Amino acid sequence: MPSAEQQPVTIAVHGGYELAEGGRWVGGRFVYVDILNGRLFELRDGTGRAPRQVARLDVPLGAVAPVRDRPDTWIAAASTGIALLTADGELEWLDRPEDRTTVPSRMNDGVADPAGRFWAGSMPYDGTPGAGSLYRTDPDGTVARVLDGLTIVNGPAFSADGTTLYLADSAAGVIHRCRVDPATGDLTGPEAFARFHTDEGSPDGMTVDDEDCLWVAVWGGGAVRRYHPDGRLLHTLKVPAPQPTSVCLHPSDSRILITTARHGLNHPTAASGAVLSAPAPARAPETHSWGGDSPAPR
């Protein structure tokens, strides 16, 4: 039977963020975004100190990953495409594929895989079914659409060996699983890994721990779930905010950090829009870097 015992959940950052998401552990820092306000933050020790604003853009910022061998440079899922976010806060666009779609859309969550590729999803502003896509940015800067027919693409998360990709379609209430060829980035699948009933909330940001279990923020459900690789629900952590958006496991401290959102709530809780912290029975390595060769923007 899955465990549902309550762990103490505390507020690590009283942020009041509209839509905090994309929590990652990078070089001893907890890094996250406030999507709709285009802001990037870092929290140096995970708890106990005020976060620092790293960048503020005039477009939505869905997620970032560090760029290999380029300190203070990030690859970003932003606005309608993929860009390099430089140390001076400027965007150098690699491609803007959502400019070429018929439904107004923006980029959403994203993550780098162990092979150094960056994977990011998109979502339509009006929720048009099937208008979202998954994109892969290879180390040479090429951006390719690799899956379509999705709606709100969230939480790309990879197994440690890079052969399994978990992907949430939040609007459909489904977590998909794909097989990935680490050498080429080619996908096989997707297949349904877990389905959510409408009264349970929706799968949002995700991460994979050092036991290959999947952690999922449940938007609208006020919870975080942990799944075994075979699909069994192992544990549910209730949180004092109805809209958790992403989960990040500390690499050494057996602790989980959870971003949340105030967006769309008529009666937000004190924890809505905050970063939360709780003990966790697992750890995860730091996020991977995009292994790009710093191609010229286009």
C-alpha atoms as a PDB file:
ATOM      1  CA  MET A   1       0.000   0.000   0.000  1.00  0.00           C
ATOM      2  CA  PRO A   2       1.307   3.487  -0.775  1.00  0.00           C
ATOM      3  CA  SER A   3       2.439   5.535   2.212  1.00  0.00           C
ATOM      4  CA  ALA A   4       0.562   8.749   2.969  1.00  0.00           C
ATOM      5  CA  GLU A   5       2.126   9.669   6.305  1.00  0.00           C
ATOM      6  CA  GLN A   6       2.583  13.400   6.713  1.00  0.00           C
ATOM      7  CA  GLN A   7       6.098  14.832   6.847  1.00  0.00           C
ATOM      8  CA  PRO A   8       6.709  18.321   8.256  1.00  0.00           C
ATOM      9  CA  VAL A   9       6.516  20.805   5.395  1.00  0.00           C
ATOM     10  CA  THR A  10       8.036  24.235   5.966  1.00  0.00           C
ATOM     11  CA  ILE A  11       8.275  27.404   3.910  1.00  0.00           C
ATOM     12  CA  ALA A  12      11.828  27.883   2.615  1.00  0.00           C
ATOM     13  CA  VAL A  13      11.038  31.074   0.665  1.00  0.00           C
ATOM     14  CA  HIS A  14       8.048  33.340   1.333  1.00  0.00           C
ATOM     15  CA  GLY A  15       8.041  34.370  -2.297  1.00  0.00           C
ATOM     16  CA  GLY A  16       4.428  35.011  -3.181  1.00  0.00           C
ATOM     17  CA  TYR A  17       5.374  33.999  -6.726  1.00  0.00           C
ATOM     18  CA  GLU A  18       2.695  34.022  -9.396  1.00  0.00           C
ATOM     19  CA  LEU A  19       3.933  30.811 -11.033  1.00  0.00           C
ATOM     20  CA  ALA A  20       7.188  29.484  -9.592  1.00  0.00           C
ATOM     21  CA  GLU A  21       8.398  26.362 -11.381  1.00  0.00           C
ATOM     22  CA  GLY A  22      11.408  24.558 -12.835  1.00  0.00           C
ATOM     23  CA  GLY A  23      13.236  23.886  -9.560  1.00  0.00           C
ATOM     24  CA  ARG A  24      16.707  22.400 -10.166  1.00  0.00           C
ATOM     25  CA  TRP A  25      19.867  21.894  -8.077  1.00  0.00           C
ATOM     26  CA  VAL A  26      22.811  23.486  -9.892  1.00  0.00           C
ATOM     27  CA  GLY A  27      26.315  23.909  -8.468  1.00  0.00           C
ATOM     28  CA  GLY A  28      25.234  24.110  -4.847  1.00  0.00           C
ATOM     29  CA  ARG A  29      22.266  26.340  -5.651  1.00  0.00           C
ATOM     30  CA  PHE A  30      18.540  25.781  -5.894  1.00  0.00           C
ATOM     31  CA  VAL A  31      17.510  27.490  -9.138  1.00  0.00           C
ATOM     32  CA  TYR A  32      13.911  28.192 -10.171  1.00  0.00           C
ATOM     33  CA  VAL A  33      11.800  30.536 -12.303  1.00  0.00           C
ATOM     34  CA  ASP A  34       8.705  32.678 -11.927  1.00  0.00           C
ATOM     35  CA  ILE A  35       7.346  31.894 -15.379  1.00  0.00           C
ATOM     36  CA  LEU A  36       4.863  34.611 -16.214  1.00  0.00           C
ATOM     37  CA  ASN A  37       7.074  37.368 -14.806  1.00  0.00           C
ATOM     38  CA  GLY A  38      10.143  36.106 -16.652  1.00  0.00           C
ATOM     39  CA  ARG A  39      12.333  35.906 -13.552  1.00  0.00           C
ATOM     40  CA  LEU A  40      15.158  33.514 -12.651  1.00  0.00           C
ATOM     41  CA  PHE A  41      16.183  33.012  -9.008  1.00  0.00           C
ATOM     42  CA  GLU A  42      18.842  31.141  -7.082  1.00  0.00           C
ATOM     43  CA  LEU A  43      18.869  30.107  -3.429  1.00  0.00           C
ATOM     44  CA  ARG A  44      22.431  29.430  -2.362  1.00  0.00           C
ATOM     45  CA  ASP A  45      21.940  26.872   0.399  1.00  0.00           C
ATOM     46  CA  GLY A  46      18.382  25.695  -0.318  1.00  0.00           C
ATOM     47  CA  THR A  47      16.914  27.045   2.924  1.00  0.00           C
ATOM     48  CA  GLY A  48      17.482  29.855   5.370  1.00  0.00           C
ATOM     49  CA  ARG A  49      18.647  32.666   3.088  1.00  0.00           C
ATOM     50  CA  ALA A  50      16.883  35.092   0.809  1.00  0.00           C
ATOM     51  CA  PRO A  51      16.941  34.138  -2.870  1.00  0.00           C
ATOM     52  CA  ARG A  52      18.825  36.256  -5.404  1.00  0.00           C
ATOM     53  CA  GLN A  53      17.233  37.335  -8.674  1.00  0.00           C
ATOM     54  CA  VAL A  54      19.597  36.204 -11.411  1.00  0.00           C
ATOM     55  CA  ALA A  55      17.712  37.591 -14.409  1.00  0.00           C
ATOM     56  CA  ARG A  56      14.466  39.294 -15.349  1.00  0.00           C
ATOM     57  CA  LEU A  57      13.106  39.093 -18.886  1.00  0.00           C
ATOM     58  CA  ASP A  58      10.236  40.821 -20.635  1.00  0.00           C
ATOM     59  CA  VAL A  59       8.917  37.434 -21.874  1.00  0.00           C
ATOM     60  CA  PRO A  60       7.749  34.295 -20.025  1.00  0.00           C
ATOM     61  CA  LEU A  61      10.584  32.073 -18.796  1.00  0.00           C
ATOM     62  CA  GLY A  62       9.609  28.405 -18.513  1.00  0.00           C
ATOM     63  CA  ALA A  63      12.817  26.697 -17.365  1.00  0.00           C
ATOM     64  CA  VAL A  64      16.595  26.799 -17.644  1.00  0.00           C
ATOM     65  CA  ALA A  65      19.583  24.447 -17.591  1.00  0.00           C
ATOM     66  CA  PRO A  66      23.254  25.382 -17.169  1.00  0.00           C
ATOM     67  CA  VAL A  67      25.483  25.494 -20.245  1.00  0.00           C
ATOM     68  CA  ARG A  68      28.624  23.389 -20.082  1.00  0.00           C
ATOM     69  CA  ASP A  69      31.863  25.374 -19.740  1.00  0.00           C
ATOM     70  CA  ARG A  70      30.038  28.728 -19.790  1.00  0.00           C
ATOM     71  CA  PRO A  71      29.561  29.916 -16.193  1.00  0.00           C
ATOM     72  CA  ASP A  72      26.494  32.085 -15.589  1.00  0.00           C
ATOM     73  CA  THR A  73      25.046  31.185 -19.000  1.00  0.00           C
ATOM     74  CA  TRP A  74      21.830  29.182 -19.280  1.00  0.00           C
ATOM     75  CA  ILE A  75      19.860  27.515 -22.017  1.00  0.00           C
ATOM     76  CA  ALA A  76      16.291  28.669 -21.579  1.00  0.00           C
ATOM     77  CA  ALA A  77      12.806  27.675 -22.662  1.00  0.00           C
ATOM     78  CA  ALA A  78      11.420  31.177 -23.016  1.00  0.00           C
ATOM     79  CA  SER A  79       8.622  32.948 -24.858  1.00  0.00           C
ATOM     80  CA  THR A  80       8.117  30.995 -28.110  1.00  0.00           C
ATOM     81  CA  GLY A  81      11.421  29.182 -28.334  1.00  0.00           C
ATOM     82  CA  ILE A  82      14.862  28.221 -27.078  1.00  0.00           C
ATOM     83  CA  ALA A  83      17.586  30.747 -26.291  1.00  0.00           C
ATOM     84  CA  LEU A  84      20.858  31.217 -24.477  1.00  0.00           C
ATOM     85  CA  LEU A  85      20.444  33.488 -21.460  1.00  0.00           C
ATOM     86  CA  THR A  86      23.776  35.222 -20.978  1.00  0.00           C
ATOM     87  CA  ALA A  87      25.323  36.573 -17.794  1.00  0.00           C
ATOM     88  CA  ASP A  88      24.186  40.097 -18.702  1.00  0.00           C
ATOM     89  CA  GLY A  89      20.556  38.966 -18.929  1.00  0.00           C
ATOM     90  CA  GLU A  90      20.305  39.005 -22.723  1.00  0.00           C
ATOM     91  CA  LEU A  91      18.650  36.305 -24.847  1.00  0.00           C
ATOM     92  CA  GLU A  92      20.469  34.850 -27.864  1.00  0.00           C
ATOM     93  CA  TRP A  93      17.815  32.914 -29.770  1.00  0.00           C
ATOM     94  CA  LEU A  94      18.578  29.464 -31.166  1.00  0.00           C
ATOM     95  CA  ASP A  95      15.100  29.012 -32.627  1.00  0.00           C
ATOM     96  CA  ARG A  96      11.511  30.194 -31.996  1.00  0.00           C
ATOM     97  CA  PRO A  97       9.401  27.315 -33.330  1.00  0.00           C
ATOM     98  CA  GLU A  98       6.184  28.364 -31.610  1.00  0.00           C
ATOM     99  CA  ASP A  99       6.188  31.515 -33.773  1.00  0.00           C
ATOM    100  CA  ARG A 100       5.350  29.184 -36.666  1.00  0.00           C
ATOM    101  CA  THR A 101       2.310  27.525 -35.075  1.00  0.00           C
ATOM    102  CA  THR A 102      -1.307  28.526 -35.708  1.00  0.00           C
ATOM    103  CA  VAL A 103      -2.307  28.678 -32.024  1.00  0.00           C
ATOM    104  CA  PRO A 104      -0.662  31.331 -29.792  1.00  0.00           C
ATOM    105  CA  SER A 105       1.586  29.356 -27.436  1.00  0.00           C
ATOM    106  CA  ARG A 106       4.593  29.662 -25.144  1.00  0.00           C
ATOM    107  CA  MET A 107       7.383  27.421 -23.954  1.00  0.00           C
ATOM    108  CA  ASN A 108       6.958  25.736 -20.587  1.00  0.00           C
ATOM    109  CA  ASP A 109       9.054  23.268 -18.566  1.00  0.00           C
ATOM    110  CA  GLY A 110      12.417  21.880 -19.679  1.00  0.00           C
ATOM    111  CA  VAL A 111      15.493  19.924 -18.553  1.00  0.00           C
ATOM    112  CA  ALA A 112      18.860  18.696 -19.850  1.00  0.00           C
ATOM    113  CA  ASP A 113      19.465  14.971 -20.187  1.00  0.00           C
ATOM    114  CA  PRO A 114      22.653  13.061 -19.248  1.00  0.00           C
ATOM    115  CA  ALA A 115      23.899  13.276 -22.855  1.00  0.00           C
ATOM    116  CA  GLY A 116      23.771  17.086 -22.820  1.00  0.00           C
ATOM    117  CA  ARG A 117      20.578  17.646 -24.819  1.00  0.00           C
ATOM    118  CA  PHE A 118      17.902  20.102 -23.652  1.00  0.00           C
ATOM    119  CA  TRP A 119      14.267  18.982 -23.789  1.00  0.00           C
ATOM    120  CA  ALA A 120      11.417  21.460 -23.377  1.00  0.00           C
ATOM    121  CA  GLY A 121       7.677  21.487 -23.944  1.00  0.00           C
ATOM    122  CA  SER A 122       5.195  24.097 -25.109  1.00  0.00           C
ATOM    123  CA  MET A 123       1.575  24.897 -24.303  1.00  0.00           C
ATOM    124  CA  PRO A 124      -1.216  26.910 -25.964  1.00  0.00           C
ATOM    125  CA  TYR A 125      -2.411  29.960 -24.062  1.00  0.00           C
ATOM    126  CA  ASP A 126      -6.056  29.026 -24.629  1.00  0.00           C
ATOM    127  CA  GLY A 127      -5.673  25.329 -23.825  1.00  0.00           C
ATOM    128  CA  THR A 128      -6.425  24.112 -27.356  1.00  0.00           C
ATOM    129  CA  PRO A 129      -6.183  20.298 -27.122  1.00  0.00           C
ATOM    130  CA  GLY A 130      -3.209  18.830 -28.951  1.00  0.00           C
ATOM    131  CA  ALA A 131      -1.515  22.184 -29.647  1.00  0.00           C
ATOM    132  CA  GLY A 132       1.513  21.549 -27.404  1.00  0.00           C
ATOM    133  CA  SER A 133       4.784  19.939 -28.448  1.00  0.00           C
ATOM    134  CA  LEU A 134       8.049  18.582 -27.085  1.00  0.00           C
ATOM    135  CA  TYR A 135      11.312  19.941 -28.485  1.00  0.00           C
ATOM    136  CA  ARG A 136      14.874  18.646 -28.273  1.00  0.00           C
ATOM    137  CA  THR A 137      17.846  20.992 -28.551  1.00  0.00           C
ATOM    138  CA  ASP A 138      20.989  19.088 -29.495  1.00  0.00           C
ATOM    139  CA  PRO A 139      24.486  20.153 -28.414  1.00  0.00           C
ATOM    140  CA  ASP A 140      25.069  21.800 -31.810  1.00  0.00           C
ATOM    141  CA  GLY A 141      22.122  24.140 -31.205  1.00  0.00           C
ATOM    142  CA  THR A 142      19.661  22.416 -33.542  1.00  0.00           C
ATOM    143  CA  VAL A 143      16.084  22.563 -32.232  1.00  0.00           C
ATOM    144  CA  ALA A 144      13.756  19.755 -33.367  1.00  0.00           C
ATOM    145  CA  ARG A 145      10.098  19.015 -32.619  1.00  0.00           C
ATOM    146  CA  VAL A 146      10.078  15.391 -31.448  1.00  0.00           C
ATOM    147  CA  LEU A 147       6.496  14.943 -30.186  1.00  0.00           C
ATOM    148  CA  ASP A 148       3.267  16.759 -30.940  1.00  0.00           C
ATOM    149  CA  GLY A 149      -0.425  16.267 -30.216  1.00  0.00           C
ATOM    150  CA  LEU A 150       0.095  17.123 -26.540  1.00  0.00           C
ATOM    151  CA  THR A 151      -1.523  20.062 -24.738  1.00  0.00           C
ATOM    152  CA  ILE A 152       0.269  21.362 -21.621  1.00  0.00           C
ATOM    153  CA  VAL A 153       3.712  19.759 -21.676  1.00  0.00           C
ATOM    154  CA  ASN A 154       5.354  19.605 -18.257  1.00  0.00           C
ATOM    155  CA  GLY A 155       8.077  18.023 -16.199  1.00  0.00           C
ATOM    156  CA  PRO A 156      10.504  16.342 -18.567  1.00  0.00           C
ATOM    157  CA  ALA A 157      12.513  14.038 -16.295  1.00  0.00           C
ATOM    158  CA  PHE A 158      15.159  11.435 -17.114  1.00  0.00           C
ATOM    159  CA  SER A 159      16.422   8.244 -15.541  1.00  0.00           C
ATOM    160  CA  ALA A 160      20.073   8.322 -14.486  1.00  0.00           C
ATOM    161  CA  ASP A 161      21.223   6.442 -17.597  1.00  0.00           C
ATOM    162  CA  GLY A 162      19.260   8.733 -19.901  1.00  0.00           C
ATOM    163  CA  THR A 163      17.289   5.920 -21.506  1.00  0.00           C
ATOM    164  CA  THR A 164      13.895   6.761 -19.983  1.00  0.00           C
ATOM    165  CA  LEU A 165      12.041  10.052 -20.376  1.00  0.00           C
ATOM    166  CA  TYR A 166       8.965  10.886 -18.307  1.00  0.00           C
ATOM    167  CA  LEU A 167       6.701  13.591 -19.687  1.00  0.00           C
ATOM    168  CA  ALA A 168       3.461  14.984 -18.275  1.00  0.00           C
ATOM    169  CA  ASP A 169       0.546  16.245 -20.331  1.00  0.00           C
ATOM    170  CA  SER A 170      -1.072  18.175 -17.504  1.00  0.00           C
ATOM    171  CA  ALA A 171      -4.296  18.956 -19.346  1.00  0.00           C
ATOM    172  CA  ALA A 172      -4.873  15.286 -20.140  1.00  0.00           C
ATOM    173  CA  GLY A 173      -3.888  14.107 -16.655  1.00  0.00           C
ATOM    174  CA  VAL A 174      -1.341  11.648 -18.045  1.00  0.00           C
ATOM    175  CA  ILE A 175       2.320  10.941 -17.393  1.00  0.00           C
ATOM    176  CA  HIS A 176       3.918   9.445 -20.498  1.00  0.00           C
ATOM    177  CA  ARG A 177       7.086   7.361 -20.632  1.00  0.00           C
ATOM    178  CA  CYS A 178       9.384   7.186 -23.643  1.00  0.00           C
ATOM    179  CA  ARG A 179      12.501   5.188 -24.369  1.00  0.00           C
ATOM    180  CA  VAL A 180      15.448   7.288 -25.517  1.00  0.00           C
ATOM    181  CA  ASP A 181      18.517   6.271 -27.512  1.00  0.00           C
ATOM    182  CA  PRO A 182      21.294   8.101 -25.618  1.00  0.00           C
ATOM    183  CA  ALA A 183      23.502   8.150 -28.696  1.00  0.00           C
ATOM    184  CA  THR A 184      20.988   9.845 -31.005  1.00  0.00           C
ATOM    185  CA  GLY A 185      18.193  11.247 -28.823  1.00  0.00           C
ATOM    186  CA  ASP A 186      15.616   9.305 -30.829  1.00  0.00           C
ATOM    187  CA  LEU A 187      12.401   8.454 -28.972  1.00  0.00           C
ATOM    188  CA  THR A 188      10.353   5.258 -28.833  1.00  0.00           C
ATOM    189  CA  GLY A 189       6.806   5.649 -27.526  1.00  0.00           C
ATOM    190  CA  PRO A 190       5.201   7.310 -25.685  1.00  0.00           C
ATOM    191  CA  GLU A 191       3.300   4.897 -23.458  1.00  0.00           C
ATOM    192  CA  ALA A 192       1.057   5.867 -20.534  1.00  0.00           C
ATOM    193  CA  PHE A 193       2.886   5.507 -17.212  1.00  0.00           C
ATOM    194  CA  ALA A 194       0.239   6.969 -14.859  1.00  0.00           C
ATOM    195  CA  ARG A 195      -3.204   8.537 -15.234  1.00  0.00           C
ATOM    196  CA  PHE A 196      -4.894  11.023 -12.907  1.00  0.00           C
ATOM    197  CA  HIS A 197      -8.629  11.282 -12.265  1.00  0.00           C
ATOM    198  CA  THR A 198      -9.999  14.811 -12.604  1.00  0.00           C
ATOM    199  CA  ASP A 199     -10.590  15.084  -8.849  1.00  0.00           C
ATOM    200  CA  GLU A 200      -6.946  14.194  -8.080  1.00  0.00           C
ATOM    201  CA  GLY A 201      -5.322  17.189  -9.754  1.00  0.00           C
ATOM    202  CA  SER A 202      -2.867  17.170 -12.658  1.00  0.00           C
ATOM    203  CA  PRO A 203       0.753  16.017 -13.012  1.00  0.00           C
ATOM    204  CA  ASP A 204       3.172  18.936 -13.243  1.00  0.00           C
ATOM    205  CA  GLY A 205       6.938  19.173 -12.647  1.00  0.00           C
ATOM    206  CA  MET A 206       8.840  15.910 -12.072  1.00  0.00           C
ATOM    207  CA  THR A 207      12.228  14.477 -11.153  1.00  0.00           C
ATOM    208  CA  VAL A 208      13.798  11.015 -10.849  1.00  0.00           C
ATOM    209  CA  ASP A 209      15.603  10.034  -7.637  1.00  0.00           C
ATOM    210  CA  ASP A 210      18.672   7.865  -7.026  1.00  0.00           C
ATOM    211  CA  GLU A 211      16.451   4.773  -6.755  1.00  0.00           C
ATOM    212  CA  ASP A 212      14.930   5.439 -10.208  1.00  0.00           C
ATOM    213  CA  CYS A 213      11.610   6.450  -8.648  1.00  0.00           C
ATOM    214  CA  LEU A 214       9.625   9.312 -10.148  1.00  0.00           C
ATOM    215  CA  TRP A 215       8.516  12.304  -8.032  1.00  0.00           C
ATOM    216  CA  VAL A 216       5.591  14.365  -9.346  1.00  0.00           C
ATOM    217  CA  ALA A 217       4.114  17.691  -8.242  1.00  0.00           C
ATOM    218  CA  VAL A 218       0.313  17.443  -8.371  1.00  0.00           C
ATOM    219  CA  TRP A 219      -1.188  20.752  -9.505  1.00  0.00           C
ATOM    220  CA  GLY A 220      -4.631  21.246  -8.001  1.00  0.00           C
ATOM    221  CA  GLY A 221      -4.092  18.313  -5.654  1.00  0.00           C
ATOM    222  CA  GLY A 222      -1.902  19.918  -3.002  1.00  0.00           C
ATOM    223  CA  ALA A 223       0.462  16.952  -3.054  1.00  0.00           C
ATOM    224  CA  VAL A 224       3.669  15.392  -4.308  1.00  0.00           C
ATOM    225  CA  ARG A 225       3.656  11.733  -5.383  1.00  0.00           C
ATOM    226  CA  ARG A 226       6.468   9.200  -5.630  1.00  0.00           C
ATOM    227  CA  TYR A 227       6.134   6.322  -8.132  1.00  0.00           C
ATOM    228  CA  HIS A 228       8.128   3.113  -8.493  1.00  0.00           C
ATOM    229  CA  PRO A 229       9.535   2.549 -12.008  1.00  0.00           C
ATOM    230  CA  ASP A 230       6.894  -0.155 -12.482  1.00  0.00           C
ATOM    231  CA  GLY A 231       4.142   2.456 -12.012  1.00  0.00           C
ATOM    232  CA  ARG A 232       3.165   1.698  -8.415  1.00  0.00           C
ATOM    233  CA  LEU A 233       2.348   4.723  -6.274  1.00  0.00           C
ATOM    234  CA  LEU A 234       4.698   4.497  -3.296  1.00  0.00           C
ATOM    235  CA  HIS A 235       4.138   7.669  -1.315  1.00  0.00           C
ATOM    236  CA  THR A 236       2.012  10.830  -1.243  1.00  0.00           C
ATOM    237  CA  LEU A 237       3.229  13.965   0.522  1.00  0.00           C
ATOM    238  CA  LYS A 238       0.505  16.506   1.251  1.00  0.00           C
ATOM    239  CA  VAL A 239       1.595  20.153   1.049  1.00  0.00           C
ATOM    240  CA  PRO A 240      -0.147  23.305   2.383  1.00  0.00           C
ATOM    241  CA  ALA A 241      -0.565  24.830  -1.089  1.00  0.00           C
ATOM    242  CA  PRO A 242      -3.054  23.602  -3.696  1.00  0.00           C
ATOM    243  CA  GLN A 243      -0.782  24.200  -6.693  1.00  0.00           C
ATOM    244  CA  PRO A 244       2.681  22.631  -6.333  1.00  0.00           C
ATOM    245  CA  THR A 245       4.507  22.983  -9.640  1.00  0.00           C
ATOM    246  CA  SER A 246       7.924  21.319  -9.468  1.00  0.00           C
ATOM    247  CA  VAL A 247      10.025  19.102  -7.221  1.00  0.00           C
ATOM    248  CA  CYS A 248      13.770  19.032  -6.612  1.00  0.00           C
ATOM    249  CA  LEU A 249      15.600  16.526  -4.419  1.00  0.00           C
ATOM    250  CA  HIS A 250      18.705  17.740  -2.618  1.00  0.00           C
ATOM    251  CA  PRO A 251      21.795  15.791  -3.760  1.00  0.00           C
ATOM    252  CA  SER A 252      23.053  15.085  -0.221  1.00  0.00           C
ATOM    253  CA  ASP A 253      20.522  16.237   2.384  1.00  0.00           C
ATOM    254  CA  SER A 254      17.524  13.858   1.948  1.00  0.00           C
ATOM    255  CA  ARG A 255      15.253  16.852   1.472  1.00  0.00           C
ATOM    256  CA  ILE A 256      12.789  17.902  -1.200  1.00  0.00           C
ATOM    257  CA  LEU A 257      12.198  21.471  -2.391  1.00  0.00           C
ATOM    258  CA  ILE A 258       8.821  22.228  -3.946  1.00  0.00           C
ATOM    259  CA  THR A 259       7.832  25.303  -5.943  1.00  0.00           C
ATOM    260  CA  THR A 260       4.202  26.461  -5.865  1.00  0.00           C
ATOM    261  CA  ALA A 261       1.931  28.967  -7.601  1.00  0.00           C
ATOM    262  CA  ARG A 262      -0.680  31.590  -6.714  1.00  0.00           C
ATOM    263  CA  HIS A 263      -1.876  31.940 -10.304  1.00  0.00           C
ATOM    264  CA  GLY A 264      -5.651  31.635 -10.668  1.00  0.00           C
ATOM    265  CA  LEU A 265      -6.393  31.164  -6.966  1.00  0.00           C
ATOM    266  CA  ASN A 266      -9.199  33.225  -5.455  1.00  0.00           C
ATOM    267  CA  HIS A 267      -8.162  32.320  -1.922  1.00  0.00           C
ATOM    268  CA  PRO A 268      -4.446  31.460  -1.884  1.00  0.00           C
ATOM    269  CA  THR A 269      -2.963  29.948   1.247  1.00  0.00           C
ATOM    270  CA  ALA A 270       0.024  31.478   3.013  1.00  0.00           C
ATOM    271  CA  ALA A 271       2.171  28.867   1.284  1.00  0.00           C
ATOM    272  CA  SER A 272       0.765  29.499  -2.204  1.00  0.00           C
ATOM    273  CA  GLY A 273       3.515  30.974  -4.366  1.00  0.00           C
ATOM    274  CA  ALA A 274       6.205  29.959  -1.873  1.00  0.00           C
ATOM    275  CA  VAL A 275       9.072  27.478  -2.067  1.00  0.00           C
ATOM    276  CA  LEU A 276       8.444  24.621   0.363  1.00  0.00           C
ATOM    277  CA  SER A 277      10.832  22.174   1.999  1.00  0.00           C
ATOM    278  CA  ALA A 278      10.296  18.736   3.569  1.00  0.00           C
ATOM    279  CA  PRO A 279      12.294  15.627   4.520  1.00  0.00           C
ATOM    280  CA  ALA A 280      12.439  13.014   1.764  1.00  0.00           C
ATOM    281  CA  PRO A 281      13.498   9.353   1.734  1.00  0.00           C
ATOM    282  CA  ALA A 282      15.684   9.799  -1.343  1.00  0.00           C
ATOM    283  CA  ARG A 283      18.204  12.020  -3.074  1.00  0.00           C
ATOM    284  CA  ALA A 284      18.985  12.938  -6.663  1.00  0.00           C
ATOM    285  CA  PRO A 285      22.090  14.194  -8.487  1.00  0.00           C
ATOM    286  CA  GLU A 286      22.461  17.791  -9.560  1.00  0.00           C
ATOM    287  CA  THR A 287      20.822  18.747 -12.828  1.00  0.00           C
ATOM    288  CA  HIS A 288      22.688  18.065 -16.054  1.00  0.00           C
ATOM    289  CA  SER A 289      24.177  20.751 -18.268  1.00  0.00           C
ATOM    290  CA  TRP A 290      23.384  21.402 -21.891  1.00  0.00           C
ATOM    291  CA  GLY A 291      26.534  20.285 -23.730  1.00  0.00           C
ATOM    292  CA  GLY A 292      26.283  22.934 -26.411  1.00  0.00           C
ATOM    293  CA  ASP A 293      29.103  24.233 -28.571  1.00  0.00           C
ATOM    294  CA  SER A 294      27.875  27.831 -28.252  1.00  0.00           C
ATOM    295  CA  PRO A 295      26.528  28.063 -31.837  1.00  0.00           C
ATOM    296  CA  ALA A 296      25.878  31.455 -33.315  1.00  0.00           C
ATOM    297  CA  PRO A 297      22.339  32.684 -32.617  1.00  0.00           C
ATOM    298  CA  ARG A 298      19.969  32.942 -35.555  1.00  0.00           C
END
